[in-house]
Structures are given as structure tokens and as C-alpha cells.
N, C-alpha and C. Protein backbone atom coordinates (compact mmCIF):
# COMPACT_ATOMS: atom_id res chain seq x y z
N UNK A 1 74.20 18.03 -33.86
CA UNK A 1 73.01 17.55 -33.19
C UNK A 1 72.32 16.52 -34.06
N UNK A 2 71.77 15.53 -33.42
CA UNK A 2 71.09 14.49 -34.17
C UNK A 2 69.61 14.82 -34.31
N UNK A 3 69.00 14.23 -35.31
CA UNK A 3 67.60 14.47 -35.63
C UNK A 3 66.76 13.33 -35.04
N UNK A 4 66.53 13.34 -33.72
CA UNK A 4 65.77 12.27 -33.09
C UNK A 4 64.81 12.86 -32.07
N UNK A 5 63.77 12.11 -31.74
CA UNK A 5 62.84 12.55 -30.72
C UNK A 5 61.70 13.39 -31.27
N UNK A 6 60.83 13.85 -30.38
CA UNK A 6 59.63 14.57 -30.80
C UNK A 6 59.90 15.99 -31.29
N UNK A 7 61.05 16.52 -30.99
CA UNK A 7 61.38 17.89 -31.38
C UNK A 7 62.51 17.84 -32.40
N UNK A 8 62.25 18.35 -33.60
CA UNK A 8 63.29 18.31 -34.62
C UNK A 8 64.39 19.31 -34.29
N UNK A 9 65.56 19.03 -34.80
CA UNK A 9 66.71 19.90 -34.57
C UNK A 9 66.43 21.30 -35.12
N UNK A 10 65.81 21.35 -36.29
CA UNK A 10 65.50 22.63 -36.92
C UNK A 10 64.56 23.47 -36.04
N UNK A 11 63.53 22.84 -35.52
CA UNK A 11 62.59 23.55 -34.64
C UNK A 11 63.28 24.00 -33.36
N UNK A 12 64.08 23.11 -32.78
CA UNK A 12 64.80 23.45 -31.56
C UNK A 12 65.71 24.65 -31.78
N UNK A 13 66.46 24.64 -32.87
CA UNK A 13 67.38 25.76 -33.15
C UNK A 13 66.62 27.06 -33.39
N UNK A 14 65.47 26.98 -34.03
CA UNK A 14 64.65 28.17 -34.25
C UNK A 14 64.15 28.73 -32.91
N UNK A 15 63.71 27.85 -32.02
CA UNK A 15 63.26 28.28 -30.69
C UNK A 15 64.42 28.90 -29.92
N UNK A 16 65.57 28.25 -29.96
CA UNK A 16 66.75 28.76 -29.26
C UNK A 16 67.13 30.15 -29.77
N UNK A 17 67.13 30.30 -31.07
CA UNK A 17 67.49 31.60 -31.66
C UNK A 17 66.47 32.68 -31.28
N UNK A 18 65.18 32.35 -31.33
CA UNK A 18 64.14 33.31 -30.97
C UNK A 18 64.14 33.64 -29.48
N UNK A 19 64.76 32.77 -28.69
CA UNK A 19 64.87 33.00 -27.25
C UNK A 19 66.14 33.77 -26.89
N UNK A 20 66.93 34.10 -27.89
CA UNK A 20 68.13 34.88 -27.65
C UNK A 20 69.37 34.05 -27.40
N UNK A 21 69.28 32.73 -27.61
CA UNK A 21 70.45 31.87 -27.44
C UNK A 21 71.20 31.79 -28.77
N UNK A 22 72.50 31.79 -28.70
CA UNK A 22 73.28 31.60 -29.91
C UNK A 22 73.17 30.16 -30.37
N UNK A 23 72.93 29.94 -31.64
CA UNK A 23 72.74 28.58 -32.13
C UNK A 23 74.05 27.80 -32.17
N UNK A 24 75.15 28.46 -31.88
CA UNK A 24 76.43 27.76 -31.84
C UNK A 24 76.93 27.54 -30.40
N UNK A 25 76.07 27.82 -29.42
CA UNK A 25 76.45 27.66 -28.02
C UNK A 25 76.73 26.18 -27.73
N UNK A 26 77.79 25.88 -27.00
CA UNK A 26 78.18 24.48 -26.78
C UNK A 26 77.19 23.67 -25.96
N UNK A 27 76.38 24.30 -25.14
CA UNK A 27 75.46 23.55 -24.28
C UNK A 27 74.16 23.17 -24.99
N UNK A 28 73.96 23.62 -26.22
CA UNK A 28 72.69 23.34 -26.91
C UNK A 28 72.49 21.86 -27.19
N UNK A 29 73.54 21.11 -27.43
CA UNK A 29 73.40 19.67 -27.67
C UNK A 29 72.82 18.99 -26.43
N UNK A 30 73.32 19.36 -25.25
CA UNK A 30 72.79 18.80 -24.00
C UNK A 30 71.34 19.22 -23.78
N UNK A 31 71.04 20.47 -24.03
CA UNK A 31 69.67 20.97 -23.86
C UNK A 31 68.71 20.29 -24.82
N UNK A 32 69.14 20.10 -26.07
CA UNK A 32 68.32 19.42 -27.07
C UNK A 32 68.01 17.99 -26.63
N UNK A 33 69.01 17.28 -26.16
CA UNK A 33 68.80 15.91 -25.69
C UNK A 33 67.87 15.88 -24.47
N UNK A 34 68.06 16.81 -23.56
CA UNK A 34 67.23 16.88 -22.35
C UNK A 34 65.76 17.11 -22.72
N UNK A 35 65.52 18.07 -23.60
CA UNK A 35 64.14 18.37 -24.00
C UNK A 35 63.49 17.21 -24.71
N UNK A 36 64.23 16.52 -25.57
CA UNK A 36 63.66 15.38 -26.27
C UNK A 36 63.36 14.23 -25.32
N UNK A 37 64.05 14.16 -24.20
CA UNK A 37 63.72 13.17 -23.19
C UNK A 37 62.55 13.58 -22.33
N UNK A 38 62.39 14.87 -22.12
CA UNK A 38 61.34 15.39 -21.26
C UNK A 38 59.97 15.45 -21.95
N UNK A 39 59.95 15.79 -23.21
CA UNK A 39 58.68 15.99 -23.92
C UNK A 39 57.75 14.77 -23.89
N UNK A 40 58.24 13.55 -24.09
CA UNK A 40 57.32 12.40 -24.00
C UNK A 40 56.70 12.26 -22.61
N UNK A 41 57.44 12.62 -21.58
CA UNK A 41 56.91 12.55 -20.22
C UNK A 41 55.77 13.55 -20.06
N UNK A 42 55.95 14.73 -20.60
CA UNK A 42 54.91 15.75 -20.49
C UNK A 42 53.68 15.39 -21.32
N UNK A 43 53.85 14.58 -22.34
CA UNK A 43 52.73 14.16 -23.19
C UNK A 43 51.66 13.45 -22.36
N UNK A 44 52.05 12.81 -21.26
CA UNK A 44 51.10 12.09 -20.41
C UNK A 44 50.07 13.04 -19.81
N UNK A 45 50.37 14.31 -19.72
CA UNK A 45 49.42 15.28 -19.18
C UNK A 45 48.16 15.33 -20.02
N UNK A 46 48.29 15.08 -21.32
CA UNK A 46 47.12 15.11 -22.21
C UNK A 46 46.09 14.05 -21.85
N UNK A 47 46.49 13.01 -21.15
CA UNK A 47 45.57 11.92 -20.81
C UNK A 47 44.74 12.22 -19.56
N UNK A 48 45.07 13.27 -18.84
CA UNK A 48 44.35 13.60 -17.61
C UNK A 48 42.97 14.16 -17.93
N UNK A 49 41.97 13.69 -17.22
CA UNK A 49 40.61 14.20 -17.37
C UNK A 49 40.42 15.33 -16.38
N UNK A 50 40.44 16.54 -16.87
CA UNK A 50 40.33 17.71 -16.01
C UNK A 50 38.99 18.42 -16.17
N UNK A 51 38.04 17.75 -16.80
CA UNK A 51 36.72 18.33 -17.00
C UNK A 51 36.08 18.65 -15.66
N UNK A 52 35.54 19.82 -15.55
CA UNK A 52 34.85 20.23 -14.33
C UNK A 52 35.75 20.81 -13.26
N UNK A 53 37.04 20.81 -13.46
CA UNK A 53 37.95 21.36 -12.47
C UNK A 53 38.21 22.84 -12.75
N UNK A 54 38.22 23.61 -11.70
CA UNK A 54 38.54 25.03 -11.84
C UNK A 54 40.05 25.20 -11.90
N UNK A 55 40.52 26.15 -12.68
CA UNK A 55 41.97 26.40 -12.72
C UNK A 55 42.47 26.84 -11.35
N UNK A 56 43.67 26.44 -11.01
CA UNK A 56 44.29 26.85 -9.75
C UNK A 56 44.82 28.26 -9.93
N UNK A 57 44.31 29.17 -9.15
CA UNK A 57 44.72 30.57 -9.24
C UNK A 57 45.15 31.02 -7.84
N UNK A 58 46.42 30.91 -7.53
CA UNK A 58 46.87 31.32 -6.19
C UNK A 58 46.65 32.82 -5.99
N UNK A 59 46.39 33.17 -4.78
CA UNK A 59 46.17 34.57 -4.44
C UNK A 59 47.47 35.34 -4.57
N UNK A 60 47.39 36.48 -5.18
CA UNK A 60 48.57 37.33 -5.31
C UNK A 60 48.56 38.46 -4.28
N UNK A 61 47.53 38.45 -3.42
CA UNK A 61 47.47 39.47 -2.36
C UNK A 61 48.55 39.22 -1.32
N UNK A 62 49.00 40.30 -0.74
CA UNK A 62 49.94 40.17 0.36
C UNK A 62 49.19 39.71 1.59
N UNK A 63 49.84 38.86 2.38
CA UNK A 63 49.21 38.39 3.61
C UNK A 63 49.17 39.52 4.61
N UNK A 64 48.07 39.57 5.31
CA UNK A 64 47.91 40.64 6.30
C UNK A 64 48.49 40.25 7.63
């Protein structure tokens, strides 16, 4: 795995291991690349002004 993007390889492997994934799993390289591509997109959420908005809390009641 290469050391590029907002998430370091070391951090990614630690998260994977703590999540129960084997650090030698063949799909981890693809997952690491995917997350490093996704994280900058999610960073845009920090720019949203949500002051004064109530959190969205969907009803968990069963419909009658």
C-alpha cells in the first residue's frame, strides 16, 4: 500500500485490524484507495452552516 492521501497507511491498517479485518486481506489496497478518494469529498461537509438547524430524528414508532 502506498502512503498517500488524507489517511495514512498505518492509521488505515490500525482501523482495519480494530474492525476485525485481517491486515493481509487482498481487498484492503482497494479499500484504502477508495477511502482516500472519498475523504476529501466528505471534508466539504465542514463548510456547511448548520447553525440553528435541529437534528433530523426520524420516528422509530411503528406506523398505525
